[in-house]
PDB file of N, CA and C in Angstrom:
ATOM      1  N   UNK A   1       3.056   3.235   6.616  1.00  0.00           N
ATOM      2  CA  UNK A   1       2.135   3.674   7.617  1.00  0.00           C
ATOM      3  C   UNK A   1       1.619   2.429   8.330  1.00  0.00           C
ATOM      4  N   UNK A   2       1.448   2.544   9.628  1.00  0.00           N
ATOM      5  CA  UNK A   2       0.879   1.425  10.374  1.00  0.00           C
ATOM      6  C   UNK A   2      -0.151   1.971  11.350  1.00  0.00           C
ATOM      7  N   UNK A   3      -1.055   1.097  11.728  1.00  0.00           N
ATOM      8  CA  UNK A   3      -2.091   1.451  12.700  1.00  0.00           C
ATOM      9  C   UNK A   3      -1.997   0.481  13.864  1.00  0.00           C
ATOM     10  N   UNK A   4      -2.564   0.862  14.978  1.00  0.00           N
ATOM     11  CA  UNK A   4      -2.469   0.030  16.166  1.00  0.00           C
ATOM     12  C   UNK A   4      -3.634  -0.937  16.307  1.00  0.00           C
ATOM     13  N   UNK A   5      -4.670  -0.772  15.522  1.00  0.00           N
ATOM     14  CA  UNK A   5      -5.830  -1.661  15.609  1.00  0.00           C
ATOM     15  C   UNK A   5      -5.428  -3.069  15.178  1.00  0.00           C
ATOM     16  N   UNK A   6      -5.974  -4.075  15.843  1.00  0.00           N
ATOM     17  CA  UNK A   6      -5.636  -5.454  15.468  1.00  0.00           C
ATOM     18  C   UNK A   6      -6.223  -5.816  14.110  1.00  0.00           C
ATOM     19  N   UNK A   7      -5.540  -6.694  13.424  1.00  0.00           N
ATOM     20  CA  UNK A   7      -6.016  -7.141  12.110  1.00  0.00           C
ATOM     21  C   UNK A   7      -7.068  -8.243  12.291  1.00  0.00           C
ATOM     22  N   UNK A   8      -8.128  -7.886  12.979  1.00  0.00           N
ATOM     23  CA  UNK A   8      -9.214  -8.816  13.278  1.00  0.00           C
ATOM     24  C   UNK A   8     -10.523  -8.173  12.840  1.00  0.00           C
ATOM     25  N   UNK A   9     -11.317  -8.906  12.104  1.00  0.00           N
ATOM     26  CA  UNK A   9     -12.634  -8.434  11.659  1.00  0.00           C
ATOM     27  C   UNK A   9     -12.569  -7.097  10.924  1.00  0.00           C
ATOM     28  N   UNK A  10     -11.477  -6.851  10.209  1.00  0.00           N
ATOM     29  CA  UNK A  10     -11.356  -5.638   9.414  1.00  0.00           C
ATOM     30  C   UNK A  10     -11.082  -4.370  10.205  1.00  0.00           C
ATOM     31  N   UNK A  11     -10.787  -4.506  11.504  1.00  0.00           N
ATOM     32  CA  UNK A  11     -10.572  -3.307  12.324  1.00  0.00           C
ATOM     33  C   UNK A  11      -9.346  -2.523  11.887  1.00  0.00           C
ATOM     34  N   UNK A  12      -8.286  -3.205  11.514  1.00  0.00           N
ATOM     35  CA  UNK A  12      -7.079  -2.492  11.065  1.00  0.00           C
ATOM     36  C   UNK A  12      -7.357  -1.734   9.769  1.00  0.00           C
ATOM     37  N   UNK A  13      -8.079  -2.359   8.848  1.00  0.00           N
ATOM     38  CA  UNK A  13      -8.414  -1.679   7.591  1.00  0.00           C
ATOM     39  C   UNK A  13      -9.304  -0.467   7.848  1.00  0.00           C
ATOM     40  N   UNK A  14     -10.274  -0.612   8.721  1.00  0.00           N
ATOM     41  CA  UNK A  14     -11.151   0.518   9.052  1.00  0.00           C
ATOM     42  C   UNK A  14     -10.360   1.642   9.691  1.00  0.00           C
ATOM     43  N   UNK A  15      -9.446   1.282  10.557  1.00  0.00           N
ATOM     44  CA  UNK A  15      -8.600   2.280  11.198  1.00  0.00           C
ATOM     45  C   UNK A  15      -7.733   2.996  10.169  1.00  0.00           C
ATOM     46  N   UNK A  16      -7.172   2.243   9.244  1.00  0.00           N
ATOM     47  CA  UNK A  16      -6.342   2.836   8.193  1.00  0.00           C
ATOM     48  C   UNK A  16      -7.153   3.828   7.359  1.00  0.00           C
ATOM     49  N   UNK A  17      -8.359   3.456   6.988  1.00  0.00           N
ATOM     50  CA  UNK A  17      -9.223   4.353   6.203  1.00  0.00           C
ATOM     51  C   UNK A  17      -9.486   5.638   6.984  1.00  0.00           C
ATOM     52  N   UNK A  18      -9.752   5.525   8.286  1.00  0.00           N
ATOM     53  CA  UNK A  18      -9.994   6.723   9.102  1.00  0.00           C
ATOM     54  C   UNK A  18      -8.753   7.609   9.175  1.00  0.00           C
ATOM     55  N   UNK A  19      -7.584   6.999   9.334  1.00  0.00           N
ATOM     56  CA  UNK A  19      -6.341   7.773   9.420  1.00  0.00           C
ATOM     57  C   UNK A  19      -6.073   8.505   8.105  1.00  0.00           C
ATOM     58  N   UNK A  20      -6.235   7.804   6.996  1.00  0.00           N
ATOM     59  CA  UNK A  20      -5.996   8.423   5.685  1.00  0.00           C
ATOM     60  C   UNK A  20      -7.014   9.534   5.434  1.00  0.00           C
ATOM     61  N   UNK A  21      -8.273   9.287   5.750  1.00  0.00           N
ATOM     62  CA  UNK A  21      -9.298  10.314   5.570  1.00  0.00           C
ATOM     63  C   UNK A  21      -8.964  11.554   6.400  1.00  0.00           C
ATOM     64  N   UNK A  22      -8.505  11.338   7.621  1.00  0.00           N
ATOM     65  CA  UNK A  22      -8.130  12.470   8.467  1.00  0.00           C
ATOM     66  C   UNK A  22      -6.931  13.226   7.922  1.00  0.00           C
ATOM     67  N   UNK A  23      -5.954  12.492   7.414  1.00  0.00           N
ATOM     68  CA  UNK A  23      -4.741  13.126   6.878  1.00  0.00           C
ATOM     69  C   UNK A  23      -5.045  13.966   5.643  1.00  0.00           C
ATOM     70  N   UNK A  24      -6.031  13.537   4.866  1.00  0.00           N
ATOM     71  CA  UNK A  24      -6.385  14.268   3.644  1.00  0.00           C
ATOM     72  C   UNK A  24      -7.599  15.169   3.845  1.00  0.00           C
ATOM     73  N   UNK A  25      -8.143  15.166   5.070  1.00  0.00           N
ATOM     74  CA  UNK A  25      -9.304  15.994   5.412  1.00  0.00           C
ATOM     75  C   UNK A  25     -10.474  15.743   4.465  1.00  0.00           C
ATOM     76  N   UNK A  26     -10.789  14.460   4.278  1.00  0.00           N
ATOM     77  CA  UNK A  26     -11.912  14.050   3.438  1.00  0.00           C
ATOM     78  C   UNK A  26     -12.796  13.110   4.256  1.00  0.00           C
ATOM     79  N   UNK A  27     -14.057  12.951   3.879  1.00  0.00           N
ATOM     80  CA  UNK A  27     -14.918  11.997   4.577  1.00  0.00           C
ATOM     81  C   UNK A  27     -14.418  10.560   4.378  1.00  0.00           C
ATOM     82  N   UNK A  28     -14.612   9.724   5.374  1.00  0.00           N
ATOM     83  CA  UNK A  28     -14.151   8.334   5.263  1.00  0.00           C
ATOM     84  C   UNK A  28     -14.820   7.617   4.092  1.00  0.00           C
ATOM     85  N   UNK A  29     -16.024   8.014   3.732  1.00  0.00           N
ATOM     86  CA  UNK A  29     -16.724   7.330   2.628  1.00  0.00           C
ATOM     87  C   UNK A  29     -16.031   7.529   1.281  1.00  0.00           C
ATOM     88  N   UNK A  30     -15.119   8.519   1.194  1.00  0.00           N
ATOM     89  CA  UNK A  30     -14.419   8.765  -0.066  1.00  0.00           C
ATOM     90  C   UNK A  30     -13.116   7.977  -0.172  1.00  0.00           C
ATOM     91  N   UNK A  31     -12.744   7.277   0.894  1.00  0.00           N
ATOM     92  CA  UNK A  31     -11.510   6.483   0.904  1.00  0.00           C
ATOM     93  C   UNK A  31     -11.885   5.011   0.848  1.00  0.00           C
ATOM     94  N   UNK A  32     -11.274   4.296  -0.083  1.00  0.00           N
ATOM     95  CA  UNK A  32     -11.547   2.859  -0.152  1.00  0.00           C
ATOM     96  C   UNK A  32     -10.261   2.097  -0.418  1.00  0.00           C
ATOM     97  N   UNK A  33     -10.245   0.872   0.061  1.00  0.00           N
ATOM     98  CA  UNK A  33      -9.113  -0.007  -0.191  1.00  0.00           C
ATOM     99  C   UNK A  33      -9.372  -0.697  -1.520  1.00  0.00           C
ATOM    100  N   UNK A  34      -8.505  -0.424  -2.490  1.00  0.00           N
ATOM    101  CA  UNK A  34      -8.650  -0.990  -3.829  1.00  0.00           C
ATOM    102  C   UNK A  34      -8.117  -2.418  -3.850  1.00  0.00           C
ATOM    103  N   UNK A  35      -6.974  -2.619  -3.236  1.00  0.00           N
ATOM    104  CA  UNK A  35      -6.410  -3.965  -3.132  1.00  0.00           C
ATOM    105  C   UNK A  35      -5.649  -4.078  -1.826  1.00  0.00           C
ATOM    106  N   UNK A  36      -5.515  -5.305  -1.357  1.00  0.00           N
ATOM    107  CA  UNK A  36      -4.792  -5.547  -0.124  1.00  0.00           C
ATOM    108  C   UNK A  36      -5.693  -5.611   1.088  1.00  0.00           C
ATOM    109  N   UNK A  37      -6.917  -6.088   0.906  1.00  0.00           N
ATOM    110  CA  UNK A  37      -7.830  -6.188   2.046  1.00  0.00           C
ATOM    111  C   UNK A  37      -7.265  -7.098   3.132  1.00  0.00           C
ATOM    112  N   UNK A  38      -6.535  -8.125   2.738  1.00  0.00           N
ATOM    113  CA  UNK A  38      -5.978  -9.045   3.732  1.00  0.00           C
ATOM    114  C   UNK A  38      -4.468  -8.891   3.911  1.00  0.00           C
ATOM    115  N   UNK A  39      -3.678  -8.800   2.857  1.00  0.00           N
ATOM    116  CA  UNK A  39      -2.226  -8.661   3.070  1.00  0.00           C
ATOM    117  C   UNK A  39      -1.862  -7.249   3.525  1.00  0.00           C
ATOM    118  N   UNK A  40      -0.649  -7.104   4.010  1.00  0.00           N
ATOM    119  CA  UNK A  40      -0.197  -5.792   4.493  1.00  0.00           C
ATOM    120  C   UNK A  40      -0.091  -4.739   3.399  1.00  0.00           C
ATOM    121  N   UNK A  41       0.512  -5.032   2.246  1.00  0.00           N
ATOM    122  CA  UNK A  41       0.573  -3.977   1.213  1.00  0.00           C
ATOM    123  C   UNK A  41      -0.838  -3.603   0.759  1.00  0.00           C
ATOM    124  N   UNK A  42      -1.133  -2.330   0.770  1.00  0.00           N
ATOM    125  CA  UNK A  42      -2.467  -1.838   0.416  1.00  0.00           C
ATOM    126  C   UNK A  42      -2.375  -0.811  -0.697  1.00  0.00           C
ATOM    127  N   UNK A  43      -3.440  -0.732  -1.472  1.00  0.00           N
ATOM    128  CA  UNK A  43      -3.628   0.347  -2.435  1.00  0.00           C
ATOM    129  C   UNK A  43      -4.951   0.994  -2.061  1.00  0.00           C
ATOM    130  N   UNK A  44      -4.896   2.285  -1.767  1.00  0.00           N
ATOM    131  CA  UNK A  44      -6.097   3.022  -1.402  1.00  0.00           C
ATOM    132  C   UNK A  44      -6.422   4.048  -2.474  1.00  0.00           C
ATOM    133  N   UNK A  45      -7.684   4.408  -2.540  1.00  0.00           N
ATOM    134  CA  UNK A  45      -8.146   5.412  -3.496  1.00  0.00           C
ATOM    135  C   UNK A  45      -9.002   6.426  -2.752  1.00  0.00           C
ATOM    136  N   UNK A  46      -8.791   7.691  -3.054  1.00  0.00           N
ATOM    137  CA  UNK A  46      -9.644   8.765  -2.545  1.00  0.00           C
ATOM    138  C   UNK A  46     -10.442   9.268  -3.732  1.00  0.00           C
ATOM    139  N   UNK A  47     -11.765   9.126  -3.666  1.00  0.00           N
ATOM    140  CA  UNK A  47     -12.591   9.434  -4.837  1.00  0.00           C
ATOM    141  C   UNK A  47     -12.632  10.920  -5.172  1.00  0.00           C
ATOM    142  N   UNK A  48     -12.489  11.789  -4.197  1.00  0.00           N
ATOM    143  CA  UNK A  48     -12.495  13.231  -4.462  1.00  0.00           C
ATOM    144  C   UNK A  48     -11.373  13.869  -3.636  1.00  0.00           C
ATOM    145  N   UNK A  49     -10.121  13.669  -4.070  1.00  0.00           N
ATOM    146  CA  UNK A  49      -8.992  14.148  -3.273  1.00  0.00           C
ATOM    147  C   UNK A  49      -8.909  15.676  -3.257  1.00  0.00           C
ATOM    148  N   UNK A  50      -8.330  16.226  -2.201  1.00  0.00           N
ATOM    149  CA  UNK A  50      -8.156  17.677  -2.148  1.00  0.00           C
ATOM    150  C   UNK A  50      -7.098  18.128  -3.156  1.00  0.00           C
ATOM    151  N   UNK A  51      -7.105  19.399  -3.462  1.00  0.00           N
ATOM    152  CA  UNK A  51      -6.166  19.941  -4.449  1.00  0.00           C
ATOM    153  C   UNK A  51      -4.715  19.729  -4.044  1.00  0.00           C
ATOM    154  N   UNK A  52      -4.442  19.720  -2.755  1.00  0.00           N
ATOM    155  CA  UNK A  52      -3.067  19.549  -2.285  1.00  0.00           C
ATOM    156  C   UNK A  52      -2.756  18.100  -1.885  1.00  0.00           C
ATOM    157  N   UNK A  53      -3.440  17.149  -2.505  1.00  0.00           N
ATOM    158  CA  UNK A  53      -3.258  15.727  -2.159  1.00  0.00           C
ATOM    159  C   UNK A  53      -1.815  15.258  -2.327  1.00  0.00           C
ATOM    160  N   UNK A  54      -1.141  15.694  -3.364  1.00  0.00           N
ATOM    161  CA  UNK A  54       0.241  15.254  -3.595  1.00  0.00           C
ATOM    162  C   UNK A  54       1.152  15.733  -2.463  1.00  0.00           C
ATOM    163  N   UNK A  55       0.968  16.963  -2.011  1.00  0.00           N
ATOM    164  CA  UNK A  55       1.780  17.477  -0.910  1.00  0.00           C
ATOM    165  C   UNK A  55       1.468  16.737   0.384  1.00  0.00           C
ATOM    166  N   UNK A  56       0.200  16.446   0.619  1.00  0.00           N
ATOM    167  CA  UNK A  56      -0.172  15.707   1.837  1.00  0.00           C
ATOM    168  C   UNK A  56       0.398  14.291   1.814  1.00  0.00           C
ATOM    169  N   UNK A  57       0.384  13.676   0.641  1.00  0.00           N
ATOM    170  CA  UNK A  57       0.960  12.342   0.529  1.00  0.00           C
ATOM    171  C   UNK A  57       2.450  12.396   0.825  1.00  0.00           C
ATOM    172  N   UNK A  58       3.120  13.395   0.285  1.00  0.00           N
ATOM    173  CA  UNK A  58       4.548  13.566   0.582  1.00  0.00           C
ATOM    174  C   UNK A  58       4.811  13.714   2.065  1.00  0.00           C
ATOM    175  N   UNK A  59       3.961  14.470   2.750  1.00  0.00           N
ATOM    176  CA  UNK A  59       4.109  14.643   4.197  1.00  0.00           C
ATOM    177  C   UNK A  59       3.926  13.317   4.926  1.00  0.00           C
ATOM    178  N   UNK A  60       2.952  12.530   4.492  1.00  0.00           N
ATOM    179  CA  UNK A  60       2.725  11.216   5.124  1.00  0.00           C
ATOM    180  C   UNK A  60       3.914  10.294   4.919  1.00  0.00           C
ATOM    181  N   UNK A  61       4.473  10.306   3.737  1.00  0.00           N
ATOM    182  CA  UNK A  61       5.580   9.412   3.434  1.00  0.00           C
ATOM    183  C   UNK A  61       6.855   9.844   4.132  1.00  0.00           C
ATOM    184  N   UNK A  62       6.993  11.133   4.390  1.00  0.00           N
ATOM    185  CA  UNK A  62       8.169  11.639   5.095  1.00  0.00           C
ATOM    186  C   UNK A  62       8.092  11.414   6.598  1.00  0.00           C
ATOM    187  N   UNK A  63       6.886  11.217   7.108  1.00  0.00           N
ATOM    188  CA  UNK A  63       6.697  11.070   8.567  1.00  0.00           C
ATOM    189  C   UNK A  63       7.227   9.763   9.091  1.00  0.00           C
TER     190      UNK A  63
END
């Protein structure tokens, strides 16, 4: 997954969190970057994922 926001002042990370929150239909406050704040590979966590999170993740990865 990629975002168009520049990797300046955390804008790309913030954009990524918003995109993931939207894809999983959860508030942005429930999505956090666990690792990869600076490098491209990221690990994100959703603190209260929806019941169909696995299917939504599959859809994101297939896109």
